[in-house]
Amino acid sequence: MGDLTNRPCIICVAITGSLPTKENNPAVPITIAEQVESTQEAFEAGATIAHCHVRDDEGKPTSDPDRFARLKEGLEQHCPGMIVQLSTGGRSGAGQARGGMLPLAPDMASLSVGSNNFPTRVYENPPDLVDWLASEMIRHDVKPEIEAFDLSHILQAARMHADGRIKDRPYVQFVMGVRNAMPADRDVFDYYIHTVQRLFGPDAPWCAAGIGPNQIQLNEWAISSGGHARTGLEDNVRLDRDRLAPSNAALVRRAAEICDRFERPVANWQQARQILGLRQPLA
């Protein structure tokens, strides 16, 4: 991949997700206040993107725009400059409710452009809903992060970019290690990189996320290959087989240590925004 010492690595922290509970790990932040505090610690540890879900009063996933608004406001206040990325994922709602927070105009939002299997169900992303979510992101100037659970999702993102349904060059995140979806396979991972560079250019930024014990493996693969890395308690509640992760910040620090090992500087928020072509925050 050539010299990586001048290629800053963006660390994305997925702080909560839809599945982990306090029973899985007491450090999982559920309330808005907990999420803001946990994200601030992760931001100070080097994360520059916060991938966000919200929970209701019972701790169950929701797409409630009011809760997203409170979280976004808290993050902008306590983590100035950090990139706020809201999830439109299917575990938090159905149909267009999944995009009800997009009028808040976050910096980014996740966008799954195709369906695939999850551990116990089908993750449904029908074409009409994908097109509506993408159009809402254009309408509110929200940059999508393409969550690719399969090779076809990268190719679909290319088609959507070519015909204008995705405005800017797609930023693709490879998601590997979800049971019944794409496993953490190095040959497939390398072909994902090849496909992104073939379709979007050799300098196109991309990211990778590994689920559960695959998290550290995907962090290493991405960082050593010139990509960007996602970590956090949404994807993995453990440091290793024997230890729970004490915080999101601990997982971010581990990713930063991998950056150091491969001589990649950790991107600050200004660099991250420049790499992704995002607007600078209002003063």
Protein backbone atom coordinates (compact mmCIF):
# COMPACT_ATOMS: atom_id res chain seq x y z
CA MET A 1 0.00 0.00 0.00
CA GLY A 2 3.03 2.27 -0.06
CA ASP A 3 3.99 4.77 2.62
CA LEU A 4 1.21 5.09 5.21
CA THR A 5 2.95 7.59 7.48
CA ASN A 6 1.27 10.54 5.74
CA ARG A 7 -2.18 8.92 5.53
CA PRO A 8 -4.16 9.78 8.67
CA CYS A 9 -6.57 7.10 9.86
CA ILE A 10 -10.10 8.08 10.84
CA ILE A 11 -11.38 6.17 13.86
CA CYS A 12 -15.16 5.80 14.00
CA VAL A 13 -16.68 4.81 17.35
CA ALA A 14 -20.02 2.97 17.26
CA ILE A 15 -21.10 3.85 20.75
CA THR A 16 -24.31 1.92 21.48
CA GLY A 17 -26.02 0.11 18.61
CA SER A 18 -29.38 -1.63 18.89
CA LEU A 19 -28.45 -4.89 20.60
CA PRO A 20 -25.91 -4.60 23.46
CA THR A 21 -27.36 -4.15 26.95
CA LYS A 22 -26.07 -3.37 30.42
CA GLU A 23 -26.35 -7.09 31.07
CA ASN A 24 -23.85 -7.73 28.28
CA ASN A 25 -21.52 -5.01 29.56
CA PRO A 26 -22.33 -2.34 32.17
CA ALA A 27 -20.27 0.18 30.14
CA VAL A 28 -22.77 0.19 27.23
CA PRO A 29 -24.21 3.73 27.19
CA ILE A 30 -28.00 3.69 26.96
CA THR A 31 -29.36 7.07 28.08
CA ILE A 32 -28.57 10.25 26.16
CA ALA A 33 -26.40 11.49 29.03
CA GLU A 34 -24.44 8.23 29.10
CA GLN A 35 -23.97 8.33 25.35
CA VAL A 36 -22.66 11.90 25.39
CA GLU A 37 -20.24 11.13 28.24
CA SER A 38 -19.00 7.91 26.60
CA THR A 39 -18.56 9.64 23.23
CA GLN A 40 -16.66 12.54 24.78
CA GLU A 41 -14.18 10.09 26.31
CA ALA A 42 -13.83 8.31 22.96
CA PHE A 43 -13.36 11.66 21.17
CA GLU A 44 -10.58 12.59 23.57
CA ALA A 45 -9.01 9.16 22.89
CA GLY A 46 -8.89 9.83 19.12
CA ALA A 47 -12.28 8.96 17.59
CA THR A 48 -13.53 11.56 15.11
CA ILE A 49 -16.79 9.94 13.92
CA ALA A 50 -19.57 8.99 16.33
CA HIS A 51 -21.91 6.37 14.85
CA CYS A 52 -25.13 6.79 16.82
CA HIS A 53 -28.27 4.85 17.69
CA VAL A 54 -30.78 5.84 20.37
CA ARG A 55 -32.85 3.82 22.84
CA ASP A 56 -36.26 4.41 24.42
CA ASP A 57 -36.98 4.60 28.15
CA GLU A 58 -36.91 0.80 28.36
CA GLY A 59 -33.55 0.61 26.63
CA LYS A 60 -35.00 -0.72 23.38
CA PRO A 61 -33.91 0.60 19.96
CA THR A 62 -35.90 3.42 18.44
CA SER A 63 -35.68 5.91 15.58
CA ASP A 64 -37.28 8.70 17.63
CA PRO A 65 -36.11 11.99 16.02
CA ASP A 66 -36.45 13.86 19.32
CA ARG A 67 -33.96 11.54 21.01
CA PHE A 68 -31.59 11.81 18.07
CA ALA A 69 -31.90 15.61 18.27
CA ARG A 70 -30.98 15.60 21.97
CA LEU A 71 -28.02 13.30 21.34
CA LYS A 72 -26.80 15.36 18.38
CA GLU A 73 -27.04 18.57 20.42
CA GLY A 74 -25.11 17.01 23.30
CA LEU A 75 -22.36 15.71 21.04
CA GLU A 76 -21.97 19.03 19.26
CA GLN A 77 -21.68 20.78 22.62
CA HIS A 78 -19.25 18.37 24.30
CA CYS A 79 -17.32 17.06 21.28
CA PRO A 80 -16.89 20.16 19.09
CA GLY A 81 -15.84 19.28 15.57
CA MET A 82 -16.58 15.56 15.89
CA ILE A 83 -18.47 14.08 12.93
CA VAL A 84 -21.98 13.02 13.99
CA GLN A 85 -23.26 10.03 12.03
CA LEU A 86 -26.81 8.88 12.73
CA SER A 87 -27.98 5.37 11.96
CA THR A 88 -30.86 4.62 9.61
CA GLY A 89 -30.50 0.91 10.38
CA GLY A 90 -33.44 -1.46 10.31
CA ARG A 91 -33.34 -2.68 13.90
CA SER A 92 -34.53 0.71 15.14
CA GLY A 93 -37.66 1.13 13.06
CA ALA A 94 -39.52 0.21 9.91
CA GLY A 95 -40.06 1.94 6.59
CA GLN A 96 -39.57 5.68 6.34
CA ALA A 97 -39.45 5.97 10.15
CA ARG A 98 -35.85 4.81 9.73
CA GLY A 99 -35.03 8.18 8.16
CA GLY A 100 -37.09 10.40 10.43
CA MET A 101 -33.93 11.96 11.91
CA LEU A 102 -32.43 13.04 8.58
CA PRO A 103 -34.05 16.52 8.68
CA LEU A 104 -31.76 17.14 11.68
CA ALA A 105 -29.02 17.42 9.02
CA PRO A 106 -26.28 15.45 10.77
CA ASP A 107 -22.88 15.37 9.10
CA MET A 108 -23.40 11.76 8.00
CA ALA A 109 -25.87 8.89 8.17
CA SER A 110 -25.51 5.20 7.53
CA LEU A 111 -27.09 3.82 4.36
CA SER A 112 -27.49 0.13 3.62
CA VAL A 113 -28.24 -0.22 -0.09
CA GLY A 114 -29.18 -3.91 -0.18
CA SER A 115 -30.61 -6.72 1.92
CA ASN A 116 -28.80 -9.62 3.57
CA ASN A 117 -29.19 -12.19 6.30
CA PHE A 118 -28.60 -11.36 9.96
CA PRO A 119 -28.23 -13.94 12.75
CA THR A 120 -31.97 -14.59 13.16
CA ARG A 121 -33.71 -12.60 10.43
CA VAL A 122 -33.41 -10.90 7.06
CA TYR A 123 -32.09 -7.34 7.16
CA GLU A 124 -34.51 -5.87 4.64
CA ASN A 125 -33.52 -2.85 2.58
CA PRO A 126 -36.02 -2.75 -0.28
CA PRO A 127 -35.05 -0.61 -3.29
CA ASP A 128 -37.83 1.96 -2.82
CA LEU A 129 -36.82 2.59 0.80
CA VAL A 130 -33.13 2.80 -0.12
CA ASP A 131 -33.94 5.35 -2.82
CA TRP A 132 -36.07 7.40 -0.40
CA LEU A 133 -33.37 7.41 2.29
CA ALA A 134 -30.76 8.42 -0.28
CA SER A 135 -32.97 11.24 -1.57
CA GLU A 136 -33.53 12.52 1.97
CA MET A 137 -29.76 12.57 2.49
CA ILE A 138 -29.32 14.68 -0.63
CA ARG A 139 -32.19 16.95 0.42
CA HIS A 140 -30.68 17.64 3.85
CA ASP A 141 -27.01 17.63 2.77
CA VAL A 142 -26.14 14.49 4.74
CA LYS A 143 -23.22 12.39 3.53
CA PRO A 144 -24.10 8.69 3.42
CA GLU A 145 -21.77 6.02 4.71
CA ILE A 146 -22.49 2.92 2.62
CA GLU A 147 -22.63 -0.08 4.93
CA ALA A 148 -21.59 -2.97 2.68
CA PHE A 149 -22.49 -6.38 4.06
CA ASP A 150 -21.92 -7.96 0.64
CA LEU A 151 -19.99 -7.26 -2.56
CA SER A 152 -23.21 -6.42 -4.38
CA HIS A 153 -23.75 -3.47 -2.03
CA ILE A 154 -20.55 -1.81 -3.27
CA LEU A 155 -21.65 -2.27 -6.87
CA GLN A 156 -25.12 -0.93 -6.07
CA ALA A 157 -23.56 2.16 -4.48
CA ALA A 158 -21.62 2.71 -7.71
CA ARG A 159 -24.83 2.51 -9.75
CA MET A 160 -26.57 4.96 -7.41
CA HIS A 161 -23.65 7.37 -7.66
CA ALA A 162 -23.58 7.12 -11.44
CA ASP A 163 -27.26 8.01 -11.80
CA GLY A 164 -27.23 10.74 -9.15
CA ARG A 165 -28.99 8.99 -6.27
CA ILE A 166 -25.78 9.38 -4.25
CA LYS A 167 -24.37 12.87 -4.69
CA ASP A 168 -20.69 12.55 -3.81
CA ARG A 169 -18.20 9.74 -4.26
CA PRO A 170 -19.45 6.96 -1.99
CA TYR A 171 -17.70 6.34 1.31
CA VAL A 172 -17.96 2.58 1.79
CA GLN A 173 -17.63 0.65 5.03
CA PHE A 174 -17.07 -3.09 4.80
CA VAL A 175 -18.99 -4.92 7.56
CA MET A 176 -17.61 -8.39 8.20
CA GLY A 177 -18.30 -11.01 10.82
CA VAL A 178 -22.10 -10.77 11.12
CA ARG A 179 -23.37 -14.32 11.52
CA ASN A 180 -25.10 -15.53 8.31
CA ALA A 181 -23.64 -12.58 6.35
CA MET A 182 -20.07 -12.01 5.11
CA PRO A 183 -17.46 -13.55 7.42
CA ALA A 184 -14.11 -11.96 8.14
CA ASP A 185 -12.32 -13.36 5.10
CA ARG A 186 -9.03 -11.73 4.07
CA ASP A 187 -9.32 -12.58 0.38
CA VAL A 188 -12.80 -11.06 0.24
CA PHE A 189 -11.59 -8.03 2.19
CA ASP A 190 -8.77 -7.46 -0.29
CA TYR A 191 -11.21 -7.79 -3.19
CA TYR A 192 -13.50 -5.23 -1.53
CA ILE A 193 -10.58 -2.78 -1.53
CA HIS A 194 -9.83 -3.61 -5.17
CA THR A 195 -13.49 -3.04 -6.08
CA VAL A 196 -13.73 0.32 -4.30
CA GLN A 197 -10.54 1.54 -5.95
CA ARG A 198 -11.63 0.28 -9.37
CA LEU A 199 -15.04 1.93 -9.13
CA PHE A 200 -14.26 5.11 -7.20
CA GLY A 201 -10.55 5.74 -7.76
CA PRO A 202 -7.31 4.63 -6.11
CA ASP A 203 -7.52 7.40 -3.51
CA ALA A 204 -11.14 6.73 -2.51
CA PRO A 205 -11.45 6.55 1.28
CA TRP A 206 -13.04 3.43 2.78
CA CYS A 207 -13.59 1.94 6.22
CA ALA A 208 -14.00 -1.50 7.77
CA ALA A 209 -15.90 -2.86 10.76
CA GLY A 210 -15.55 -6.26 12.36
CA ILE A 211 -18.25 -7.73 14.60
CA GLY A 212 -17.45 -9.35 17.94
CA PRO A 213 -14.01 -10.95 18.11
CA ASN A 214 -13.45 -9.92 14.48
CA GLN A 215 -13.23 -6.27 15.53
CA ILE A 216 -9.51 -6.19 16.29
CA GLN A 217 -8.76 -8.26 13.18
CA LEU A 218 -10.61 -5.84 10.92
CA ASN A 219 -8.99 -2.88 12.68
CA GLU A 220 -5.57 -4.34 11.83
CA TRP A 221 -6.50 -5.19 8.25
CA ALA A 222 -7.97 -1.74 7.58
CA ILE A 223 -5.25 0.29 9.25
CA SER A 224 -2.42 -1.68 7.65
CA SER A 225 -4.09 -1.41 4.21
CA GLY A 226 -4.57 2.35 4.20
CA GLY A 227 -8.24 2.40 5.17
CA HIS A 228 -10.15 3.79 8.12
CA ALA A 229 -11.33 1.85 11.17
CA ARG A 230 -14.51 1.42 13.18
CA THR A 231 -14.57 0.23 16.77
CA GLY A 232 -16.91 0.55 19.74
CA LEU A 233 -19.29 -1.27 22.04
CA GLU A 234 -22.01 -1.60 19.38
CA ASP A 235 -19.91 -4.18 17.55
CA ASN A 236 -17.95 -5.75 20.40
CA VAL A 237 -18.35 -5.54 24.18
CA ARG A 238 -15.05 -7.28 25.01
CA LEU A 239 -11.35 -6.48 24.96
CA ASP A 240 -10.61 -10.20 24.69
CA ARG A 241 -12.10 -13.56 25.65
CA ASP A 242 -11.58 -12.90 29.36
CA ARG A 243 -12.19 -9.15 29.73
CA LEU A 244 -15.10 -6.85 29.06
CA ALA A 245 -14.18 -3.52 27.47
CA PRO A 246 -14.32 -0.89 30.23
CA SER A 247 -15.47 1.84 27.82
CA ASN A 248 -15.77 2.92 24.21
CA ALA A 249 -12.63 4.96 24.82
CA ALA A 250 -10.69 1.80 25.67
CA LEU A 251 -11.58 0.30 22.29
CA VAL A 252 -10.62 3.56 20.56
CA ARG A 253 -7.27 3.58 22.35
CA ARG A 254 -6.66 0.04 21.16
CA ALA A 255 -7.34 1.10 17.56
CA ALA A 256 -5.01 4.06 18.03
CA GLU A 257 -2.29 1.69 19.26
CA ILE A 258 -2.69 -0.31 16.04
CA CYS A 259 -2.31 2.94 14.08
CA ASP A 260 0.91 3.59 15.96
CA ARG A 261 2.18 0.10 15.22
CA PHE A 262 1.64 0.61 11.49
CA GLU A 263 2.96 4.19 11.64
CA ARG A 264 -0.40 5.73 10.71
CA PRO A 265 -1.25 9.02 12.38
CA VAL A 266 -4.71 9.16 13.94
CA ALA A 267 -6.79 11.76 12.08
CA ASN A 268 -8.00 14.75 14.06
CA TRP A 269 -11.49 16.03 13.34
CA GLN A 270 -10.27 18.67 10.87
CA GLN A 271 -8.38 16.03 8.87
CA ALA A 272 -11.32 13.63 9.02
CA ARG A 273 -13.68 16.24 7.64
CA GLN A 274 -11.24 17.09 4.87
CA ILE A 275 -10.74 13.42 3.91
CA LEU A 276 -14.52 12.88 3.72
CA GLY A 277 -15.32 16.20 2.06
CA LEU A 278 -17.52 17.37 4.92
CA ARG A 279 -18.41 20.93 5.81
CA GLN A 280 -16.63 22.52 8.74
CA PRO A 281 -18.90 23.04 11.78
CA LEU A 282 -20.47 26.43 12.33
CA ALA A 283 -18.61 28.55 14.84
